[in-house]
Amino acid sequence: MAHNVLIPNAIAAMNVDAWNRSGVHASAVDNGNIVKLTGLSATAGQSEVWTAVTPSTSNGLTDVWMVGEPEVVVTNAQYKGLDPDPRNFFVAATKVFSCFKPQLGDILTLTADGMSGAKGGSDTHVNATDSTGGLKLVWGASQTGSVFSMKLLETTYISIADGSIGSQRVTAYKFVVVGL
């Protein structure tokens, strides 16, 4: 299963430490997934780690954080960096990961695997919703209410070395954050 690739093109969190945190979630997460940070973890050894939960209508689809962990793939639970394909990277359940707080105007590129479902012809936004469990953003024709939302700027491609002779380009989308 291919996982999402995230490129933070221009984000405020690059220059503001307060918008960068470490989190831990009960489920596996991909880069580009959105989470809610509910408070500091009570687990021993995690005094500076925040507990992350899946956004929902009950806990809010605003004030979200985005998973943004460096893609170092672990193979056989012991070797790191042997796989050059960042789509094989994910953060296992209950493992600590890096996340950042998206801000209005941030520009991000996500591969197609980062959104729920395929992009339709009239889809120009991705929004936080309950419909897919909340970790992935959902395509829509517009921003839906007061939720975390990003507007599509352009369809692009990311070249990924996978060792094959064929095309190594995967579809990606460049977005600007328009709703928090």
Protein backbone atom coordinates (compact mmCIF):
# COMPACT_ATOMS: atom_id res chain seq x y z
CA MET A 1 0.00 0.00 0.00
CA ALA A 2 1.40 3.37 -0.99
CA HIS A 3 1.47 5.99 1.72
CA ASN A 4 1.32 9.74 1.30
CA VAL A 5 4.30 11.99 0.59
CA LEU A 6 4.26 15.55 1.99
CA ILE A 7 6.36 18.47 0.77
CA PRO A 8 6.03 21.56 3.01
CA ASN A 9 6.76 24.14 0.28
CA ALA A 10 6.32 27.27 2.41
CA ILE A 11 4.97 26.88 5.92
CA ALA A 12 5.05 29.25 8.88
CA ALA A 13 6.10 26.36 11.14
CA MET A 14 9.55 26.45 9.49
CA ASN A 15 10.24 29.62 11.46
CA VAL A 16 8.11 29.30 14.60
CA ASP A 17 9.06 26.63 17.14
CA ALA A 18 5.69 26.87 18.90
CA TRP A 19 4.00 25.45 15.77
CA ASN A 20 6.12 22.27 15.87
CA ARG A 21 5.39 19.42 18.29
CA SER A 22 5.89 15.72 18.85
CA GLY A 23 2.78 13.58 18.98
CA VAL A 24 1.71 10.00 19.51
CA HIS A 25 -1.47 8.40 18.10
CA ALA A 26 -3.12 5.06 18.91
CA SER A 27 -3.27 4.28 15.16
CA ALA A 28 -0.65 4.33 12.40
CA VAL A 29 -0.41 7.72 10.64
CA ASP A 30 1.01 8.99 7.34
CA ASN A 31 2.66 12.29 6.55
CA GLY A 32 -0.03 14.78 5.60
CA ASN A 33 -2.62 13.21 7.95
CA ILE A 34 -4.35 15.66 10.26
CA VAL A 35 -4.63 15.11 14.01
CA LYS A 36 -5.89 16.93 17.09
CA LEU A 37 -3.49 17.35 20.02
CA THR A 38 -5.42 16.92 23.27
CA GLY A 39 -2.72 17.34 25.92
CA LEU A 40 0.60 16.02 27.07
CA SER A 41 1.05 12.24 27.06
CA ALA A 42 0.83 10.46 30.41
CA THR A 43 3.15 7.67 29.21
CA ALA A 44 6.47 7.39 31.06
CA GLY A 45 9.33 8.88 29.02
CA GLN A 46 6.99 11.03 26.92
CA SER A 47 6.83 14.18 29.03
CA GLU A 48 7.18 16.46 25.97
CA VAL A 49 4.99 14.39 23.65
CA TRP A 50 1.37 15.33 22.92
CA THR A 51 -1.47 12.82 22.69
CA ALA A 52 -2.93 12.95 19.17
CA VAL A 53 -6.45 11.85 18.28
CA THR A 54 -8.38 11.67 15.03
CA PRO A 55 -10.34 14.87 14.29
CA SER A 56 -14.13 14.44 14.30
CA THR A 57 -17.26 16.50 14.67
CA SER A 58 -17.30 15.62 18.36
CA ASN A 59 -13.79 16.97 19.09
CA GLY A 60 -13.66 19.51 16.26
CA LEU A 61 -12.52 19.65 12.64
CA THR A 62 -10.57 22.87 13.25
CA ASP A 63 -7.36 23.62 15.14
CA VAL A 64 -5.67 20.58 13.60
CA TRP A 65 -2.01 19.62 13.31
CA MET A 66 -0.43 17.86 10.32
CA VAL A 67 1.90 14.87 10.57
CA GLY A 68 5.29 15.78 9.06
CA GLU A 69 7.89 13.18 10.06
CA PRO A 70 11.14 12.76 8.04
CA GLU A 71 10.70 9.75 5.71
CA VAL A 72 13.28 7.26 6.94
CA VAL A 73 11.84 3.85 6.14
CA VAL A 74 12.52 1.10 8.70
CA THR A 75 12.94 -2.39 7.27
CA ASN A 76 12.79 -5.57 9.36
CA ALA A 77 12.29 -3.36 12.43
CA GLN A 78 16.03 -2.76 12.60
CA TYR A 79 17.48 -1.16 9.46
CA LYS A 80 16.73 2.45 8.54
CA GLY A 81 17.13 4.24 5.23
CA LEU A 82 17.47 1.17 2.98
CA ASP A 83 14.31 1.92 0.99
CA PRO A 84 14.55 5.07 -1.18
CA ASP A 85 10.77 5.23 -1.81
CA PRO A 86 9.15 7.66 0.66
CA ARG A 87 5.72 6.17 -0.15
CA ASN A 88 6.70 3.12 1.92
CA PHE A 89 7.05 5.29 5.03
CA PHE A 90 4.45 5.55 7.78
CA VAL A 91 4.50 6.04 11.53
CA ALA A 92 3.45 2.90 13.39
CA ALA A 93 0.74 3.07 16.04
CA THR A 94 1.93 4.42 19.42
CA LYS A 95 5.27 5.66 17.97
CA VAL A 96 6.27 9.31 18.44
CA PHE A 97 6.13 11.52 15.34
CA SER A 98 6.71 15.15 14.38
CA CYS A 99 3.78 17.39 13.50
CA PHE A 100 3.24 21.05 12.70
CA LYS A 101 0.36 23.51 12.97
CA PRO A 102 -0.72 24.66 9.49
CA GLN A 103 -1.38 28.39 9.20
CA LEU A 104 -3.47 30.41 6.72
CA GLY A 105 -1.44 30.87 3.55
CA ASP A 106 0.85 27.86 4.08
CA ILE A 107 1.64 26.05 0.82
CA LEU A 108 1.88 22.25 0.86
CA THR A 109 2.20 19.54 -1.76
CA LEU A 110 0.64 16.12 -1.09
CA THR A 111 0.60 13.03 -3.27
CA ALA A 112 -2.81 11.73 -4.32
CA ASP A 113 -2.63 9.01 -1.64
CA GLY A 114 -2.98 11.74 0.99
CA MET A 115 -6.61 12.46 0.18
CA SER A 116 -9.65 10.28 0.56
CA GLY A 117 -10.96 9.15 -2.81
CA ALA A 118 -10.12 10.36 -6.28
CA LYS A 119 -10.27 13.99 -7.37
CA GLY A 120 -13.42 14.80 -9.31
CA GLY A 121 -13.59 17.33 -12.15
CA SER A 122 -15.16 20.08 -10.00
CA ASP A 123 -13.05 19.43 -6.89
CA THR A 124 -10.96 22.47 -5.93
CA HIS A 125 -10.61 21.97 -2.15
CA VAL A 126 -9.77 19.30 0.42
CA ASN A 127 -11.54 19.49 3.78
CA ALA A 128 -11.47 17.83 7.19
CA THR A 129 -14.52 15.60 7.66
CA ASP A 130 -15.79 12.67 9.67
CA SER A 131 -16.52 10.58 6.58
CA THR A 132 -13.19 8.74 6.39
CA GLY A 133 -12.22 8.54 10.00
CA GLY A 134 -10.82 12.04 9.82
CA LEU A 135 -7.09 11.47 9.27
CA LYS A 136 -7.22 12.07 5.50
CA LEU A 137 -8.64 15.17 3.85
CA VAL A 138 -11.65 14.76 1.57
CA TRP A 139 -12.06 16.30 -1.91
CA GLY A 140 -14.85 18.84 -2.37
CA ALA A 141 -16.00 21.57 -4.75
CA SER A 142 -15.50 24.26 -2.08
CA GLN A 143 -14.54 24.86 1.52
CA THR A 144 -17.20 23.20 3.65
CA GLY A 145 -18.06 25.41 6.61
CA SER A 146 -15.64 26.28 9.38
CA VAL A 147 -13.28 23.33 9.07
CA PHE A 148 -9.62 22.88 8.20
CA SER A 149 -9.47 23.34 4.42
CA MET A 150 -6.92 23.73 1.64
CA LYS A 151 -7.52 25.13 -1.86
CA LEU A 152 -5.94 23.45 -4.88
CA LEU A 153 -3.33 25.61 -6.61
CA GLU A 154 -2.13 23.12 -9.21
CA THR A 155 -1.81 19.48 -10.14
CA THR A 156 1.83 18.50 -10.28
CA TYR A 157 4.09 15.46 -10.03
CA ILE A 158 6.77 14.20 -7.70
CA SER A 159 9.60 12.07 -9.07
CA ILE A 160 10.29 9.09 -6.83
CA ALA A 161 13.20 6.74 -7.39
CA ASP A 162 11.78 3.24 -7.26
CA GLY A 163 14.45 1.35 -9.18
CA SER A 164 12.30 0.76 -12.28
CA ILE A 165 12.89 1.95 -15.82
CA GLY A 166 9.30 3.17 -16.26
CA SER A 167 7.85 6.49 -15.20
CA GLN A 168 8.79 7.38 -11.66
CA ARG A 169 6.38 10.30 -11.43
CA VAL A 170 3.42 10.20 -9.08
CA THR A 171 0.50 12.61 -9.11
CA ALA A 172 0.63 15.30 -6.45
CA TYR A 173 -1.37 18.41 -5.63
CA LYS A 174 -0.12 21.78 -4.44
CA PHE A 175 -2.46 23.47 -1.95
CA VAL A 176 -2.76 26.69 0.04
CA VAL A 177 -4.36 26.58 3.50
CA VAL A 178 -7.58 28.63 3.45
CA GLY A 179 -9.42 27.45 6.58
CA LEU A 180 -8.23 26.53 10.03
